[in-house]
N, C-alpha and C. Protein backbone atom coordinates (compact mmCIF):
# COMPACT_ATOMS: atom_id res chain seq x y z
N MET A 1 -13.62 5.19 -3.70
CA MET A 1 -12.22 5.53 -3.82
C MET A 1 -11.79 6.29 -2.57
N PRO A 2 -10.86 5.75 -1.80
CA PRO A 2 -10.42 6.43 -0.58
C PRO A 2 -9.44 7.56 -0.88
N PHE A 3 -9.47 8.59 -0.06
CA PHE A 3 -8.54 9.71 -0.14
C PHE A 3 -8.05 10.03 1.26
N LEU A 4 -6.87 10.63 1.35
CA LEU A 4 -6.32 11.09 2.62
C LEU A 4 -6.59 12.59 2.70
N ILE A 5 -7.42 12.99 3.66
CA ILE A 5 -7.90 14.36 3.77
C ILE A 5 -7.20 15.05 4.94
N THR A 6 -6.79 16.32 4.74
CA THR A 6 -6.25 17.10 5.85
C THR A 6 -7.40 17.67 6.66
N LYS A 7 -7.31 17.55 7.97
CA LYS A 7 -8.37 18.05 8.83
C LYS A 7 -8.44 19.57 8.80
N ALA A 8 -7.29 20.22 8.69
CA ALA A 8 -7.23 21.68 8.76
C ALA A 8 -8.02 22.35 7.64
N ILE A 9 -7.89 21.83 6.41
CA ILE A 9 -8.55 22.50 5.29
C ILE A 9 -9.60 21.63 4.61
N GLY A 10 -9.66 20.36 4.97
CA GLY A 10 -10.69 19.48 4.44
C GLY A 10 -10.49 19.04 3.00
N LEU A 11 -9.27 19.17 2.49
CA LEU A 11 -8.98 18.77 1.12
C LEU A 11 -8.01 17.59 1.11
N PRO A 12 -8.06 16.77 0.04
CA PRO A 12 -7.12 15.65 -0.04
C PRO A 12 -5.67 16.13 -0.12
N LEU A 13 -4.77 15.36 0.48
CA LEU A 13 -3.33 15.64 0.36
C LEU A 13 -2.93 15.41 -1.09
N GLN A 14 -2.28 16.38 -1.68
CA GLN A 14 -1.98 16.33 -3.11
C GLN A 14 -1.07 15.15 -3.47
N ALA A 15 0.03 14.98 -2.77
CA ALA A 15 0.97 13.92 -3.11
C ALA A 15 0.35 12.54 -2.93
N ALA A 16 -0.38 12.35 -1.84
CA ALA A 16 -1.02 11.05 -1.59
C ALA A 16 -2.09 10.75 -2.64
N THR A 17 -2.84 11.77 -3.02
CA THR A 17 -3.88 11.59 -4.04
C THR A 17 -3.26 11.25 -5.39
N TYR A 18 -2.22 11.96 -5.75
CA TYR A 18 -1.53 11.68 -7.01
C TYR A 18 -1.00 10.25 -7.01
N TRP A 19 -0.36 9.83 -5.93
CA TRP A 19 0.22 8.50 -5.84
C TRP A 19 -0.86 7.42 -5.95
N ILE A 20 -1.97 7.61 -5.23
CA ILE A 20 -3.01 6.59 -5.21
C ILE A 20 -3.69 6.49 -6.58
N LEU A 21 -3.90 7.65 -7.25
CA LEU A 21 -4.58 7.65 -8.55
C LEU A 21 -3.68 7.26 -9.71
N SER A 22 -2.40 7.64 -9.66
CA SER A 22 -1.53 7.39 -10.81
C SER A 22 -0.72 6.10 -10.70
N LYS A 23 -0.46 5.65 -9.50
CA LYS A 23 0.40 4.47 -9.32
C LYS A 23 -0.33 3.25 -8.78
N ARG A 24 -1.12 3.43 -7.73
CA ARG A 24 -1.72 2.28 -7.06
C ARG A 24 -3.00 1.80 -7.75
N ARG A 25 -3.90 2.70 -8.07
CA ARG A 25 -5.17 2.29 -8.68
C ARG A 25 -4.98 1.64 -10.05
N PRO A 26 -4.14 2.21 -10.93
CA PRO A 26 -3.94 1.57 -12.24
C PRO A 26 -3.31 0.18 -12.16
N SER A 27 -2.65 -0.12 -11.05
CA SER A 27 -2.03 -1.45 -10.91
C SER A 27 -3.06 -2.52 -10.54
N GLY A 28 -4.32 -2.10 -10.40
CA GLY A 28 -5.37 -3.07 -10.11
C GLY A 28 -5.63 -3.27 -8.63
N SER A 29 -5.08 -2.41 -7.79
CA SER A 29 -5.30 -2.54 -6.35
C SER A 29 -6.77 -2.33 -6.01
N GLN A 30 -7.26 -3.15 -5.12
CA GLN A 30 -8.65 -3.07 -4.69
C GLN A 30 -8.84 -1.94 -3.68
N PRO A 31 -10.06 -1.45 -3.50
CA PRO A 31 -10.31 -0.34 -2.58
C PRO A 31 -9.79 -0.58 -1.16
N ASN A 32 -9.92 -1.80 -0.64
CA ASN A 32 -9.42 -2.07 0.72
C ASN A 32 -7.90 -1.96 0.78
N THR A 33 -7.22 -2.36 -0.26
CA THR A 33 -5.77 -2.24 -0.33
C THR A 33 -5.37 -0.76 -0.38
N LEU A 34 -6.09 0.01 -1.17
CA LEU A 34 -5.83 1.44 -1.25
C LEU A 34 -6.07 2.10 0.10
N HIS A 35 -7.12 1.69 0.78
CA HIS A 35 -7.43 2.21 2.11
C HIS A 35 -6.28 1.91 3.07
N ASN A 36 -5.78 0.70 3.05
CA ASN A 36 -4.66 0.32 3.92
C ASN A 36 -3.40 1.11 3.58
N ASP A 37 -3.15 1.32 2.30
CA ASP A 37 -1.99 2.13 1.88
C ASP A 37 -2.09 3.54 2.43
N LEU A 38 -3.28 4.13 2.30
CA LEU A 38 -3.48 5.50 2.79
C LEU A 38 -3.46 5.57 4.30
N ARG A 39 -3.89 4.52 4.97
CA ARG A 39 -3.83 4.49 6.44
C ARG A 39 -2.38 4.51 6.90
N ALA A 40 -1.51 3.79 6.20
CA ALA A 40 -0.09 3.81 6.54
C ALA A 40 0.48 5.22 6.33
N LEU A 41 0.10 5.87 5.24
CA LEU A 41 0.54 7.24 5.00
C LEU A 41 -0.01 8.20 6.05
N MET A 42 -1.23 7.93 6.50
CA MET A 42 -1.83 8.76 7.54
C MET A 42 -0.98 8.71 8.81
N TYR A 43 -0.54 7.51 9.19
CA TYR A 43 0.31 7.38 10.37
C TYR A 43 1.64 8.12 10.18
N LEU A 44 2.19 8.06 8.99
CA LEU A 44 3.42 8.80 8.71
C LEU A 44 3.21 10.30 8.91
N HIS A 45 2.11 10.81 8.39
CA HIS A 45 1.82 12.24 8.52
C HIS A 45 1.49 12.61 9.96
N LEU A 46 0.77 11.76 10.68
CA LEU A 46 0.49 12.03 12.10
C LEU A 46 1.79 12.08 12.89
N TRP A 47 2.67 11.12 12.63
CA TRP A 47 3.97 11.09 13.31
C TRP A 47 4.76 12.35 13.00
N ALA A 48 4.81 12.73 11.74
CA ALA A 48 5.57 13.91 11.34
C ALA A 48 5.02 15.17 12.01
N ASP A 49 3.70 15.29 12.06
CA ASP A 49 3.10 16.45 12.73
C ASP A 49 3.42 16.45 14.22
N ALA A 50 3.36 15.29 14.85
CA ALA A 50 3.63 15.20 16.29
C ALA A 50 5.09 15.51 16.61
N ARG A 51 5.98 15.23 15.68
CA ARG A 51 7.42 15.42 15.93
C ARG A 51 7.98 16.68 15.28
N GLY A 52 7.15 17.41 14.56
CA GLY A 52 7.60 18.63 13.92
C GLY A 52 8.49 18.40 12.71
N VAL A 53 8.31 17.27 12.06
CA VAL A 53 9.09 16.93 10.86
C VAL A 53 8.32 17.38 9.63
N ASP A 54 8.94 18.19 8.79
CA ASP A 54 8.31 18.65 7.55
C ASP A 54 8.66 17.65 6.45
N LEU A 55 7.73 16.74 6.18
CA LEU A 55 7.97 15.69 5.19
C LEU A 55 8.21 16.25 3.80
N GLN A 56 7.46 17.28 3.43
CA GLN A 56 7.62 17.88 2.10
C GLN A 56 9.05 18.37 1.91
N ASP A 57 9.57 19.11 2.87
CA ASP A 57 10.94 19.60 2.78
C ASP A 57 11.95 18.46 2.74
N ARG A 58 11.72 17.46 3.58
CA ARG A 58 12.64 16.32 3.62
C ARG A 58 12.72 15.62 2.28
N PHE A 59 11.56 15.34 1.70
CA PHE A 59 11.55 14.58 0.46
C PHE A 59 12.04 15.41 -0.72
N GLU A 60 11.72 16.69 -0.72
CA GLU A 60 12.21 17.56 -1.80
C GLU A 60 13.72 17.70 -1.77
N SER A 61 14.30 17.68 -0.57
CA SER A 61 15.75 17.81 -0.45
C SER A 61 16.46 16.47 -0.63
N GLY A 62 15.70 15.39 -0.68
CA GLY A 62 16.28 14.07 -0.83
C GLY A 62 16.78 13.47 0.47
N ALA A 63 16.47 14.14 1.58
CA ALA A 63 16.90 13.64 2.89
C ALA A 63 15.99 12.50 3.34
N LEU A 64 16.59 11.49 3.92
CA LEU A 64 15.83 10.38 4.46
C LEU A 64 15.64 10.58 5.95
N LEU A 65 14.82 9.75 6.54
CA LEU A 65 14.66 9.78 7.99
C LEU A 65 15.90 9.20 8.65
N THR A 66 16.24 9.72 9.80
CA THR A 66 17.38 9.19 10.55
C THR A 66 16.98 7.86 11.18
N LEU A 67 17.94 7.11 11.65
CA LEU A 67 17.66 5.83 12.31
C LEU A 67 16.79 6.05 13.54
N THR A 68 17.07 7.09 14.29
CA THR A 68 16.27 7.41 15.47
C THR A 68 14.83 7.72 15.08
N GLU A 69 14.64 8.46 13.99
CA GLU A 69 13.29 8.79 13.52
C GLU A 69 12.56 7.54 13.03
N VAL A 70 13.25 6.66 12.35
CA VAL A 70 12.63 5.42 11.87
C VAL A 70 12.19 4.57 13.07
N THR A 71 13.03 4.48 14.08
CA THR A 71 12.69 3.72 15.28
C THR A 71 11.48 4.33 15.98
N ASP A 72 11.47 5.66 16.09
CA ASP A 72 10.35 6.36 16.72
C ASP A 72 9.07 6.18 15.89
N LEU A 73 9.19 6.25 14.57
CA LEU A 73 8.03 6.04 13.69
C LEU A 73 7.48 4.63 13.86
N ASP A 74 8.35 3.65 13.97
CA ASP A 74 7.92 2.27 14.17
C ASP A 74 7.12 2.13 15.46
N THR A 75 7.59 2.75 16.53
CA THR A 75 6.88 2.72 17.80
C THR A 75 5.54 3.44 17.68
N PHE A 76 5.55 4.59 17.01
CA PHE A 76 4.34 5.39 16.82
C PHE A 76 3.28 4.61 16.04
N CYS A 77 3.70 3.89 15.02
CA CYS A 77 2.76 3.13 14.18
C CYS A 77 2.14 1.95 14.91
N GLY A 78 2.75 1.54 16.02
CA GLY A 78 2.20 0.45 16.81
C GLY A 78 1.07 0.88 17.73
N LYS A 79 0.76 2.17 17.75
CA LYS A 79 -0.28 2.68 18.63
C LYS A 79 -1.64 2.61 17.95
N TYR A 80 -2.67 2.53 18.78
CA TYR A 80 -4.02 2.68 18.26
C TYR A 80 -4.18 4.11 17.76
N LEU A 81 -5.06 4.32 16.80
CA LEU A 81 -5.24 5.63 16.21
C LEU A 81 -5.56 6.69 17.26
N ALA A 82 -6.45 6.38 18.18
CA ALA A 82 -6.82 7.36 19.22
C ALA A 82 -5.61 7.75 20.07
N ASP A 83 -4.76 6.78 20.37
CA ASP A 83 -3.55 7.06 21.14
C ASP A 83 -2.56 7.88 20.32
N ALA A 84 -2.46 7.60 19.03
CA ALA A 84 -1.55 8.36 18.16
C ALA A 84 -2.01 9.81 18.06
N ILE A 85 -3.30 10.02 17.94
CA ILE A 85 -3.84 11.38 17.88
C ILE A 85 -3.66 12.07 19.22
N GLY A 86 -3.90 11.35 20.31
CA GLY A 86 -3.69 11.91 21.65
C GLY A 86 -2.25 12.28 21.88
N ASN A 87 -1.32 11.53 21.29
CA ASN A 87 0.10 11.81 21.42
C ASN A 87 0.46 13.13 20.76
N MET A 88 -0.28 13.50 19.74
CA MET A 88 -0.02 14.76 19.03
C MET A 88 -0.40 15.95 19.90
N GLN A 89 -1.39 15.76 20.78
CA GLN A 89 -1.90 16.87 21.57
C GLN A 89 -1.12 17.07 22.86
N ASP A 90 -0.19 16.19 23.16
CA ASP A 90 0.61 16.30 24.39
C ASP A 90 1.61 17.43 24.29
């Protein structure tokens, strides 16, 4: 069973874990599908960290990403993982 772990504290992300266990796994999704779902979420979180976007606050307030942010996220997701991580350290 795959989980999305935060590097800072080494624990699974609560919202991602809840979603994968309560919504995706019961629907019969296979482990590779769950892994791919979490990988997409990982890119979202990497992008948010690199851009200083607080996803928790955004979603709790009901705010969506702006068109500029969606375009930037699309470009960010097209990067190799090493490049995406390197982009965070710039």
